[in-house]
Amino acid sequence: MIEQDILMQEGMNLLYSGMVVVFSFLLLLIISVNLLRIVFSSKPQKNISSTPASIKNDVHHKIIKEVLGGIRS
């Protein structure tokens, strides 16, 4: 009976240590992702495209009309 108790105790210790390792890894992952987000979002974003939004919307509307026209016919 004593050997089974020792085996159960070792199993529980292994279970708890594994849970602590996983919890600490996830906590470190969450903290590092948030820190990287703060670091990279502090840089000013440059506007890559110089076309105004109205021209982009017109192009999108034309594409949608072409697609819908092709579906209906």
Protein backbone atom coordinates (compact mmCIF):
# COMPACT_ATOMS: atom_id res chain seq x y z
CA MET A 1 0.00 0.00 0.00
CA ILE A 2 2.88 2.37 0.73
CA GLU A 3 4.32 1.90 -2.76
CA GLN A 4 1.01 2.89 -4.35
CA ASP A 5 0.86 6.01 -2.17
CA ILE A 6 4.38 6.97 -3.20
CA LEU A 7 3.52 6.34 -6.86
CA MET A 8 0.36 8.47 -6.59
CA GLN A 9 2.32 11.23 -4.85
CA GLU A 10 4.98 11.24 -7.59
CA GLY A 11 2.28 11.29 -10.26
CA MET A 12 0.62 14.29 -8.64
CA ASN A 13 3.97 16.08 -8.35
CA LEU A 14 4.61 15.46 -12.04
CA LEU A 15 1.13 16.70 -12.90
CA TYR A 16 1.54 19.90 -10.90
CA SER A 17 4.99 20.64 -12.24
CA GLY A 18 3.75 20.14 -15.80
CA MET A 19 0.83 22.48 -15.19
CA VAL A 20 3.19 25.12 -13.79
CA VAL A 21 5.45 24.84 -16.83
CA VAL A 22 2.54 25.21 -19.26
CA PHE A 23 1.04 28.10 -17.29
CA SER A 24 4.36 29.96 -17.14
CA PHE A 25 4.97 29.39 -20.86
CA LEU A 26 1.54 30.76 -21.77
CA LEU A 27 1.97 33.71 -19.43
CA LEU A 28 5.36 34.51 -20.98
CA LEU A 29 3.87 34.18 -24.47
CA ILE A 30 1.02 36.58 -23.69
CA ILE A 31 3.35 39.14 -22.13
CA SER A 32 5.83 38.98 -25.01
CA VAL A 33 3.09 39.32 -27.65
CA ASN A 34 1.68 42.38 -25.89
CA LEU A 35 5.13 43.94 -25.51
CA LEU A 36 5.91 43.39 -29.18
CA ARG A 37 2.56 44.88 -30.14
CA ILE A 38 3.34 47.99 -28.09
CA VAL A 39 6.84 48.29 -29.55
CA PHE A 40 5.77 47.91 -33.17
CA SER A 41 2.61 50.00 -32.91
CA SER A 42 4.55 52.98 -31.56
CA LYS A 43 6.22 53.45 -34.94
CA PRO A 44 4.31 55.82 -37.21
CA GLN A 45 2.57 54.09 -40.08
CA LYS A 46 3.26 55.48 -43.52
CA ASN A 47 0.52 55.70 -46.09
CA ILE A 48 1.72 53.34 -48.81
CA SER A 49 -0.99 54.18 -51.28
CA SER A 50 -1.35 57.76 -52.52
CA THR A 51 -4.70 57.24 -54.24
CA PRO A 52 -7.68 58.85 -52.53
CA ALA A 53 -10.35 56.72 -50.92
CA SER A 54 -13.04 57.78 -53.39
CA ILE A 55 -11.08 56.39 -56.35
CA LYS A 56 -10.55 53.12 -54.49
CA ASN A 57 -14.28 52.92 -53.73
CA ASP A 58 -15.15 53.57 -57.37
CA VAL A 59 -12.84 50.77 -58.47
CA HIS A 60 -14.36 48.41 -55.90
CA HIS A 61 -17.89 49.29 -57.03
CA LYS A 62 -16.96 48.61 -60.67
CA ILE A 63 -15.49 45.23 -59.74
CA ILE A 64 -18.59 44.32 -57.75
CA LYS A 65 -20.87 45.31 -60.63
CA GLU A 66 -18.82 43.20 -63.07
CA VAL A 67 -18.95 40.18 -60.80
CA LEU A 68 -22.67 40.51 -60.16
CA GLY A 69 -23.30 41.05 -63.87
CA GLY A 70 -21.39 37.87 -64.68
CA ILE A 71 -23.32 35.88 -62.08
CA ARG A 72 -26.73 37.07 -63.31
CA SER A 73 -26.06 36.31 -66.96
